[in-house]
Amino acid sequence: MKTYTTKEAAKLVRRELGQRARQLELVVIENESETIQLEVTTDEVEDFERLGNPAIGSDVVVDSLMSSLIGHLNAEQLLESAAL
């Protein structure tokens, strides 16, 4: 499985593990074929949805939605360079 992480999600991961805000702001999403895992913030997901994309209502999404989300994050230059 390939894991993608946004820059903002990486910042959250680096914070103290006991910090409650990190747990509420960080979302981990996988695609149905279990080949991609994405660590992203709730704000980044909400921005994606506000642009008219389908809502992400689960931690497992169809492969095409994952591709769209990663494409959006990549276009916005929000992904960590190590993931690309």
PDB file of N, CA and C in Angstrom:
ATOM      1  N   MET A   1       0.846  -1.170   0.000  1.00  0.00           N
ATOM      2  CA  MET A   1       0.000   0.000   0.000  1.00  0.00           C
ATOM      3  C   MET A   1       0.891   1.233   0.000  1.00  0.00           C
ATOM      4  N   LYS A   2       0.549   2.178  -0.831  1.00  0.00           N
ATOM      5  CA  LYS A   2       1.280   3.444  -0.896  1.00  0.00           C
ATOM      6  C   LYS A   2       0.550   4.463  -0.038  1.00  0.00           C
ATOM      7  N   THR A   3       1.284   5.166   0.812  1.00  0.00           N
ATOM      8  CA  THR A   3       0.700   6.169   1.692  1.00  0.00           C
ATOM      9  C   THR A   3       1.076   7.555   1.208  1.00  0.00           C
ATOM     10  N   TYR A   4       0.077   8.419   1.083  1.00  0.00           N
ATOM     11  CA  TYR A   4       0.276   9.816   0.727  1.00  0.00           C
ATOM     12  C   TYR A   4      -0.009  10.645   1.971  1.00  0.00           C
ATOM     13  N   THR A   5       0.748  11.695   2.168  1.00  0.00           N
ATOM     14  CA  THR A   5       0.551  12.581   3.309  1.00  0.00           C
ATOM     15  C   THR A   5       0.625  14.023   2.830  1.00  0.00           C
ATOM     16  N   THR A   6      -0.343  14.824   3.251  1.00  0.00           N
ATOM     17  CA  THR A   6      -0.278  16.240   2.900  1.00  0.00           C
ATOM     18  C   THR A   6       0.692  16.933   3.843  1.00  0.00           C
ATOM     19  N   LYS A   7       1.165  18.088   3.439  1.00  0.00           N
ATOM     20  CA  LYS A   7       2.109  18.852   4.255  1.00  0.00           C
ATOM     21  C   LYS A   7       1.508  19.224   5.601  1.00  0.00           C
ATOM     22  N   GLU A   8       0.252  19.648   5.586  1.00  0.00           N
ATOM     23  CA  GLU A   8      -0.399  20.042   6.829  1.00  0.00           C
ATOM     24  C   GLU A   8      -0.634  18.829   7.731  1.00  0.00           C
ATOM     25  N   ALA A   9      -0.978  17.693   7.140  1.00  0.00           N
ATOM     26  CA  ALA A   9      -1.166  16.489   7.949  1.00  0.00           C
ATOM     27  C   ALA A   9       0.151  16.080   8.600  1.00  0.00           C
ATOM     28  N   ALA A  10       1.242  16.229   7.889  1.00  0.00           N
ATOM     29  CA  ALA A  10       2.553  15.894   8.451  1.00  0.00           C
ATOM     30  C   ALA A  10       2.875  16.783   9.641  1.00  0.00           C
ATOM     31  N   LYS A  11       2.496  18.060   9.547  1.00  0.00           N
ATOM     32  CA  LYS A  11       2.722  18.965  10.675  1.00  0.00           C
ATOM     33  C   LYS A  11       1.941  18.491  11.900  1.00  0.00           C
ATOM     34  N   LEU A  12       0.718  18.048  11.661  1.00  0.00           N
ATOM     35  CA  LEU A  12      -0.113  17.568  12.762  1.00  0.00           C
ATOM     36  C   LEU A  12       0.471  16.303  13.380  1.00  0.00           C
ATOM     37  N   VAL A  13       0.976  15.418  12.533  1.00  0.00           N
ATOM     38  CA  VAL A  13       1.557  14.175  13.029  1.00  0.00           C
ATOM     39  C   VAL A  13       2.770  14.461  13.891  1.00  0.00           C
ATOM     40  N   ARG A  14       3.502  15.504  13.562  1.00  0.00           N
ATOM     41  CA  ARG A  14       4.712  15.857  14.304  1.00  0.00           C
ATOM     42  C   ARG A  14       4.408  16.445  15.686  1.00  0.00           C
ATOM     43  N   ARG A  15       3.208  16.900  15.899  1.00  0.00           N
ATOM     44  CA  ARG A  15       2.856  17.462  17.211  1.00  0.00           C
ATOM     45  C   ARG A  15       2.803  16.356  18.256  1.00  0.00           C
ATOM     46  N   GLU A  16       2.725  16.744  19.490  1.00  0.00           N
ATOM     47  CA  GLU A  16       2.637  15.773  20.578  1.00  0.00           C
ATOM     48  C   GLU A  16       1.481  14.817  20.348  1.00  0.00           C
ATOM     49  N   LEU A  17       1.731  13.527  20.596  1.00  0.00           N
ATOM     50  CA  LEU A  17       0.700  12.517  20.363  1.00  0.00           C
ATOM     51  C   LEU A  17      -0.508  12.684  21.270  1.00  0.00           C
ATOM     52  N   GLY A  18      -0.307  13.218  22.445  1.00  0.00           N
ATOM     53  CA  GLY A  18      -1.403  13.367  23.385  1.00  0.00           C
ATOM     54  C   GLY A  18      -2.300  14.554  23.123  1.00  0.00           C
ATOM     55  N   GLN A  19      -1.959  15.356  22.141  1.00  0.00           N
ATOM     56  CA  GLN A  19      -2.717  16.580  21.880  1.00  0.00           C
ATOM     57  C   GLN A  19      -4.042  16.234  21.213  1.00  0.00           C
ATOM     58  N   ARG A  20      -5.128  16.547  21.844  1.00  0.00           N
ATOM     59  CA  ARG A  20      -6.468  16.179  21.360  1.00  0.00           C
ATOM     60  C   ARG A  20      -6.790  16.783  19.993  1.00  0.00           C
ATOM     61  N   ALA A  21      -6.374  17.992  19.726  1.00  0.00           N
ATOM     62  CA  ALA A  21      -6.693  18.648  18.453  1.00  0.00           C
ATOM     63  C   ALA A  21      -6.167  17.839  17.275  1.00  0.00           C
ATOM     64  N   ARG A  22      -5.007  17.242  17.415  1.00  0.00           N
ATOM     65  CA  ARG A  22      -4.445  16.462  16.323  1.00  0.00           C
ATOM     66  C   ARG A  22      -5.362  15.310  15.958  1.00  0.00           C
ATOM     67  N   GLN A  23      -5.904  14.656  16.947  1.00  0.00           N
ATOM     68  CA  GLN A  23      -6.759  13.510  16.696  1.00  0.00           C
ATOM     69  C   GLN A  23      -8.040  13.918  15.986  1.00  0.00           C
ATOM     70  N   LEU A  24      -8.532  15.106  16.256  1.00  0.00           N
ATOM     71  CA  LEU A  24      -9.763  15.568  15.637  1.00  0.00           C
ATOM     72  C   LEU A  24      -9.542  16.099  14.227  1.00  0.00           C
ATOM     73  N   GLU A  25      -8.374  16.622  13.920  1.00  0.00           N
ATOM     74  CA  GLU A  25      -8.125  17.265  12.641  1.00  0.00           C
ATOM     75  C   GLU A  25      -7.549  16.324  11.587  1.00  0.00           C
ATOM     76  N   LEU A  26      -6.982  15.223  11.983  1.00  0.00           N
ATOM     77  CA  LEU A  26      -6.328  14.313  11.054  1.00  0.00           C
ATOM     78  C   LEU A  26      -7.280  13.208  10.621  1.00  0.00           C
ATOM     79  N   VAL A  27      -7.328  12.957   9.305  1.00  0.00           N
ATOM     80  CA  VAL A  27      -8.171  11.914   8.747  1.00  0.00           C
ATOM     81  C   VAL A  27      -7.272  10.972   7.943  1.00  0.00           C
ATOM     82  N   VAL A  28      -7.492   9.677   8.096  1.00  0.00           N
ATOM     83  CA  VAL A  28      -6.780   8.689   7.295  1.00  0.00           C
ATOM     84  C   VAL A  28      -7.816   7.999   6.417  1.00  0.00           C
ATOM     85  N   ILE A  29      -7.605   8.080   5.101  1.00  0.00           N
ATOM     86  CA  ILE A  29      -8.548   7.537   4.126  1.00  0.00           C
ATOM     87  C   ILE A  29      -7.830   6.486   3.286  1.00  0.00           C
ATOM     88  N   GLU A  30      -8.506   5.377   3.002  1.00  0.00           N
ATOM     89  CA  GLU A  30      -7.965   4.339   2.124  1.00  0.00           C
ATOM     90  C   GLU A  30      -8.886   4.155   0.939  1.00  0.00           C
ATOM     91  N   ASN A  31      -8.323   3.675  -0.177  1.00  0.00           N
ATOM     92  CA  ASN A  31      -9.170   3.345  -1.309  1.00  0.00           C
ATOM     93  C   ASN A  31      -9.660   1.904  -1.169  1.00  0.00           C
ATOM     94  N   GLU A  32     -10.719   1.557  -1.908  1.00  0.00           N
ATOM     95  CA  GLU A  32     -11.332   0.232  -1.782  1.00  0.00           C
ATOM     96  C   GLU A  32     -10.381  -0.906  -2.120  1.00  0.00           C
ATOM     97  N   SER A  33      -9.489  -0.683  -3.059  1.00  0.00           N
ATOM     98  CA  SER A  33      -8.568  -1.753  -3.452  1.00  0.00           C
ATOM     99  C   SER A  33      -7.388  -1.888  -2.490  1.00  0.00           C
ATOM    100  N   GLU A  34      -7.375  -1.064  -1.438  1.00  0.00           N
ATOM    101  CA  GLU A  34      -6.357  -1.110  -0.392  1.00  0.00           C
ATOM    102  C   GLU A  34      -4.937  -0.926  -0.916  1.00  0.00           C
ATOM    103  N   THR A  35      -4.788  -0.049  -1.927  1.00  0.00           N
ATOM    104  CA  THR A  35      -3.469   0.235  -2.482  1.00  0.00           C
ATOM    105  C   THR A  35      -2.961   1.620  -2.096  1.00  0.00           C
ATOM    106  N   ILE A  36      -3.874   2.474  -1.626  1.00  0.00           N
ATOM    107  CA  ILE A  36      -3.492   3.850  -1.270  1.00  0.00           C
ATOM    108  C   ILE A  36      -4.073   4.200   0.083  1.00  0.00           C
ATOM    109  N   GLN A  37      -3.247   4.816   0.898  1.00  0.00           N
ATOM    110  CA  GLN A  37      -3.683   5.370   2.175  1.00  0.00           C
ATOM    111  C   GLN A  37      -3.300   6.845   2.169  1.00  0.00           C
ATOM    112  N   LEU A  38      -4.221   7.709   2.545  1.00  0.00           N
ATOM    113  CA  LEU A  38      -4.002   9.148   2.514  1.00  0.00           C
ATOM    114  C   LEU A  38      -4.198   9.727   3.912  1.00  0.00           C
ATOM    115  N   GLU A  39      -3.204  10.453   4.380  1.00  0.00           N
ATOM    116  CA  GLU A  39      -3.303  11.191   5.639  1.00  0.00           C
ATOM    117  C   GLU A  39      -3.532  12.647   5.271  1.00  0.00           C
ATOM    118  N   VAL A  40      -4.644  13.194   5.697  1.00  0.00           N
ATOM    119  CA  VAL A  40      -5.073  14.513   5.259  1.00  0.00           C
ATOM    120  C   VAL A  40      -5.810  15.197   6.413  1.00  0.00           C
ATOM    121  N   THR A  41      -5.884  16.511   6.380  1.00  0.00           N
ATOM    122  CA  THR A  41      -6.633  17.219   7.414  1.00  0.00           C
ATOM    123  C   THR A  41      -8.098  17.339   7.004  1.00  0.00           C
ATOM    124  N   THR A  42      -8.950  17.532   8.002  1.00  0.00           N
ATOM    125  CA  THR A  42     -10.368  17.711   7.706  1.00  0.00           C
ATOM    126  C   THR A  42     -10.601  18.965   6.870  1.00  0.00           C
ATOM    127  N   ASP A  43      -9.821  20.011   7.090  1.00  0.00           N
ATOM    128  CA  ASP A  43      -9.956  21.239   6.291  1.00  0.00           C
ATOM    129  C   ASP A  43      -9.670  20.971   4.820  1.00  0.00           C
ATOM    130  N   GLU A  44      -8.652  20.157   4.537  1.00  0.00           N
ATOM    131  CA  GLU A  44      -8.304  19.848   3.151  1.00  0.00           C
ATOM    132  C   GLU A  44      -9.404  19.026   2.481  1.00  0.00           C
ATOM    133  N   VAL A  45     -10.011  18.109   3.221  1.00  0.00           N
ATOM    134  CA  VAL A  45     -11.131  17.319   2.686  1.00  0.00           C
ATOM    135  C   VAL A  45     -12.320  18.235   2.418  1.00  0.00           C
ATOM    136  N   GLU A  46     -12.617  19.128   3.346  1.00  0.00           N
ATOM    137  CA  GLU A  46     -13.738  20.055   3.175  1.00  0.00           C
ATOM    138  C   GLU A  46     -13.516  20.981   1.982  1.00  0.00           C
ATOM    139  N   ASP A  47     -12.300  21.439   1.763  1.00  0.00           N
ATOM    140  CA  ASP A  47     -11.995  22.265   0.588  1.00  0.00           C
ATOM    141  C   ASP A  47     -12.253  21.489  -0.694  1.00  0.00           C
ATOM    142  N   PHE A  48     -11.848  20.243  -0.733  1.00  0.00           N
ATOM    143  CA  PHE A  48     -12.076  19.365  -1.891  1.00  0.00           C
ATOM    144  C   PHE A  48     -13.578  19.239  -2.155  1.00  0.00           C
ATOM    145  N   GLU A  49     -14.350  19.013  -1.112  1.00  0.00           N
ATOM    146  CA  GLU A  49     -15.796  18.846  -1.259  1.00  0.00           C
ATOM    147  C   GLU A  49     -16.468  20.148  -1.684  1.00  0.00           C
ATOM    148  N   ARG A  50     -15.991  21.284  -1.179  1.00  0.00           N
ATOM    149  CA  ARG A  50     -16.574  22.583  -1.532  1.00  0.00           C
ATOM    150  C   ARG A  50     -16.435  22.906  -3.017  1.00  0.00           C
ATOM    151  N   LEU A  51     -15.463  22.297  -3.659  1.00  0.00           N
ATOM    152  CA  LEU A  51     -15.259  22.529  -5.089  1.00  0.00           C
ATOM    153  C   LEU A  51     -16.211  21.714  -5.955  1.00  0.00           C
ATOM    154  N   GLY A  52     -17.212  21.088  -5.336  1.00  0.00           N
ATOM    155  CA  GLY A  52     -18.219  20.340  -6.078  1.00  0.00           C
ATOM    156  C   GLY A  52     -17.916  18.861  -6.204  1.00  0.00           C
ATOM    157  N   ASN A  53     -16.902  18.399  -5.522  1.00  0.00           N
ATOM    158  CA  ASN A  53     -16.573  16.979  -5.548  1.00  0.00           C
ATOM    159  C   ASN A  53     -17.476  16.222  -4.585  1.00  0.00           C
ATOM    160  N   PRO A  54     -17.617  14.910  -4.803  1.00  0.00           N
ATOM    161  CA  PRO A  54     -18.457  14.109  -3.898  1.00  0.00           C
ATOM    162  C   PRO A  54     -17.951  14.183  -2.461  1.00  0.00           C
ATOM    163  N   ALA A  55     -18.866  14.071  -1.529  1.00  0.00           N
ATOM    164  CA  ALA A  55     -18.519  14.080  -0.104  1.00  0.00           C
ATOM    165  C   ALA A  55     -17.789  12.795   0.256  1.00  0.00           C
ATOM    166  N   ILE A  56     -16.829  12.940   1.142  1.00  0.00           N
ATOM    167  CA  ILE A  56     -16.086  11.785   1.641  1.00  0.00           C
ATOM    168  C   ILE A  56     -16.659  11.485   3.021  1.00  0.00           C
ATOM    169  N   GLY A  57     -17.543  10.509   3.070  1.00  0.00           N
ATOM    170  CA  GLY A  57     -18.259  10.214   4.304  1.00  0.00           C
ATOM    171  C   GLY A  57     -17.762   8.986   5.028  1.00  0.00           C
ATOM    172  N   SER A  58     -16.626   8.462   4.596  1.00  0.00           N
ATOM    173  CA  SER A  58     -16.115   7.234   5.188  1.00  0.00           C
ATOM    174  C   SER A  58     -14.596   7.239   5.119  1.00  0.00           C
ATOM    175  N   ASP A  59     -13.974   6.353   5.864  1.00  0.00           N
ATOM    176  CA  ASP A  59     -12.512   6.254   5.789  1.00  0.00           C
ATOM    177  C   ASP A  59     -12.065   5.314   4.676  1.00  0.00           C
ATOM    178  N   VAL A  60     -13.029   4.724   3.944  1.00  0.00           N
ATOM    179  CA  VAL A  60     -12.729   3.920   2.756  1.00  0.00           C
ATOM    180  C   VAL A  60     -13.568   4.485   1.612  1.00  0.00           C
ATOM    181  N   VAL A  61     -12.892   4.842   0.503  1.00  0.00           N
ATOM    182  CA  VAL A  61     -13.582   5.439  -0.645  1.00  0.00           C
ATOM    183  C   VAL A  61     -13.273   4.650  -1.914  1.00  0.00           C
ATOM    184  N   VAL A  62     -14.121   4.818  -2.915  1.00  0.00           N
ATOM    185  CA  VAL A  62     -13.883   4.154  -4.193  1.00  0.00           C
ATOM    186  C   VAL A  62     -12.584   4.679  -4.795  1.00  0.00           C
ATOM    187  N   ASP A  63     -11.954   3.850  -5.611  1.00  0.00           N
ATOM    188  CA  ASP A  63     -10.654   4.189  -6.183  1.00  0.00           C
ATOM    189  C   ASP A  63     -10.693   5.483  -6.990  1.00  0.00           C
ATOM    190  N   SER A  64     -11.768   5.696  -7.740  1.00  0.00           N
ATOM    191  CA  SER A  64     -11.850   6.896  -8.580  1.00  0.00           C
ATOM    192  C   SER A  64     -11.924   8.168  -7.734  1.00  0.00           C
ATOM    193  N   LEU A  65     -12.621   8.106  -6.593  1.00  0.00           N
ATOM    194  CA  LEU A  65     -12.687   9.269  -5.714  1.00  0.00           C
ATOM    195  C   LEU A  65     -11.326   9.537  -5.082  1.00  0.00           C
ATOM    196  N   MET A  66     -10.622   8.483  -4.710  1.00  0.00           N
ATOM    197  CA  MET A  66      -9.274   8.654  -4.157  1.00  0.00           C
ATOM    198  C   MET A  66      -8.366   9.301  -5.195  1.00  0.00           C
ATOM    199  N   SER A  67      -8.454   8.852  -6.441  1.00  0.00           N
ATOM    200  CA  SER A  67      -7.634   9.443  -7.508  1.00  0.00           C
ATOM    201  C   SER A  67      -7.945  10.927  -7.679  1.00  0.00           C
ATOM    202  N   SER A  68      -9.227  11.268  -7.625  1.00  0.00           N
ATOM    203  CA  SER A  68      -9.620  12.675  -7.743  1.00  0.00           C
ATOM    204  C   SER A  68      -9.088  13.499  -6.584  1.00  0.00           C
ATOM    205  N   LEU A  69      -9.186  12.961  -5.381  1.00  0.00           N
ATOM    206  CA  LEU A  69      -8.716  13.676  -4.200  1.00  0.00           C
ATOM    207  C   LEU A  69      -7.206  13.870  -4.250  1.00  0.00           C
ATOM    208  N   ILE A  70      -6.468  12.837  -4.590  1.00  0.00           N
ATOM    209  CA  ILE A  70      -5.012  12.962  -4.693  1.00  0.00           C
ATOM    210  C   ILE A  70      -4.632  13.916  -5.821  1.00  0.00           C
ATOM    211  N   GLY A  71      -5.341  13.853  -6.933  1.00  0.00           N
ATOM    212  CA  GLY A  71      -5.088  14.780  -8.027  1.00  0.00           C
ATOM    213  C   GLY A  71      -5.295  16.225  -7.599  1.00  0.00           C
ATOM    214  N   HIS A  72      -6.358  16.463  -6.851  1.00  0.00           N
ATOM    215  CA  HIS A  72      -6.636  17.813  -6.337  1.00  0.00           C
ATOM    216  C   HIS A  72      -5.527  18.278  -5.397  1.00  0.00           C
ATOM    217  N   LEU A  73      -5.157  17.417  -4.455  1.00  0.00           N
ATOM    218  CA  LEU A  73      -4.114  17.776  -3.494  1.00  0.00           C
ATOM    219  C   LEU A  73      -2.779  18.022  -4.181  1.00  0.00           C
ATOM    220  N   ASN A  74      -2.491  17.228  -5.193  1.00  0.00           N
ATOM    221  CA  ASN A  74      -1.250  17.398  -5.951  1.00  0.00           C
ATOM    222  C   ASN A  74      -1.271  18.714  -6.735  1.00  0.00           C
ATOM    223  N   ALA A  75      -2.391  19.004  -7.374  1.00  0.00           N
ATOM    224  CA  ALA A  75      -2.518  20.252  -8.138  1.00  0.00           C
ATOM    225  C   ALA A  75      -2.378  21.477  -7.237  1.00  0.00           C
ATOM    226  N   GLU A  76      -2.865  21.364  -6.013  1.00  0.00           N
ATOM    227  CA  GLU A  76      -2.769  22.462  -5.047  1.00  0.00           C
ATOM    228  C   GLU A  76      -1.418  22.470  -4.326  1.00  0.00           C
ATOM    229  N   GLN A  77      -0.559  21.535  -4.677  1.00  0.00           N
ATOM    230  CA  GLN A  77       0.776  21.400  -4.078  1.00  0.00           C
ATOM    231  C   GLN A  77       0.697  21.212  -2.563  1.00  0.00           C
ATOM    232  N   LEU A  78      -0.216  20.346  -2.152  1.00  0.00           N
ATOM    233  CA  LEU A  78      -0.431  20.096  -0.731  1.00  0.00           C
ATOM    234  C   LEU A  78       0.202  18.785  -0.260  1.00  0.00           C
ATOM    235  N   LEU A  79       0.695  17.966  -1.193  1.00  0.00           N
ATOM    236  CA  LEU A  79       1.279  16.689  -0.798  1.00  0.00           C
ATOM    237  C   LEU A  79       2.751  16.836  -0.449  1.00  0.00           C
ATOM    238  N   GLU A  80       3.174  16.042   0.516  1.00  0.00           N
ATOM    239  CA  GLU A  80       4.589  15.969   0.853  1.00  0.00           C
ATOM    240  C   GLU A  80       5.348  15.487  -0.374  1.00  0.00           C
ATOM    241  N   SER A  81       6.505  16.031  -0.633  1.00  0.00           N
ATOM    242  CA  SER A  81       7.274  15.671  -1.833  1.00  0.00           C
ATOM    243  C   SER A  81       7.705  14.211  -1.816  1.00  0.00           C
ATOM    244  N   ALA A  82       7.867  13.605  -0.658  1.00  0.00           N
ATOM    245  CA  ALA A  82       8.271  12.210  -0.576  1.00  0.00           C
ATOM    246  C   ALA A  82       7.198  11.274  -1.128  1.00  0.00           C
ATOM    247  N   ALA A  83       5.942  11.718  -1.139  1.00  0.00           N
ATOM    248  CA  ALA A  83       4.849  10.885  -1.624  1.00  0.00           C
ATOM    249  C   ALA A  83       4.753  10.889  -3.140  1.00  0.00           C
ATOM    250  N   LEU A  84       5.356  11.844  -3.791  1.00  0.00           N
ATOM    251  CA  LEU A  84       5.199  11.986  -5.242  1.00  0.00           C
ATOM    252  C   LEU A  84       6.156  11.162  -6.008  1.00  0.00           C
TER     253      LEU A  84
END
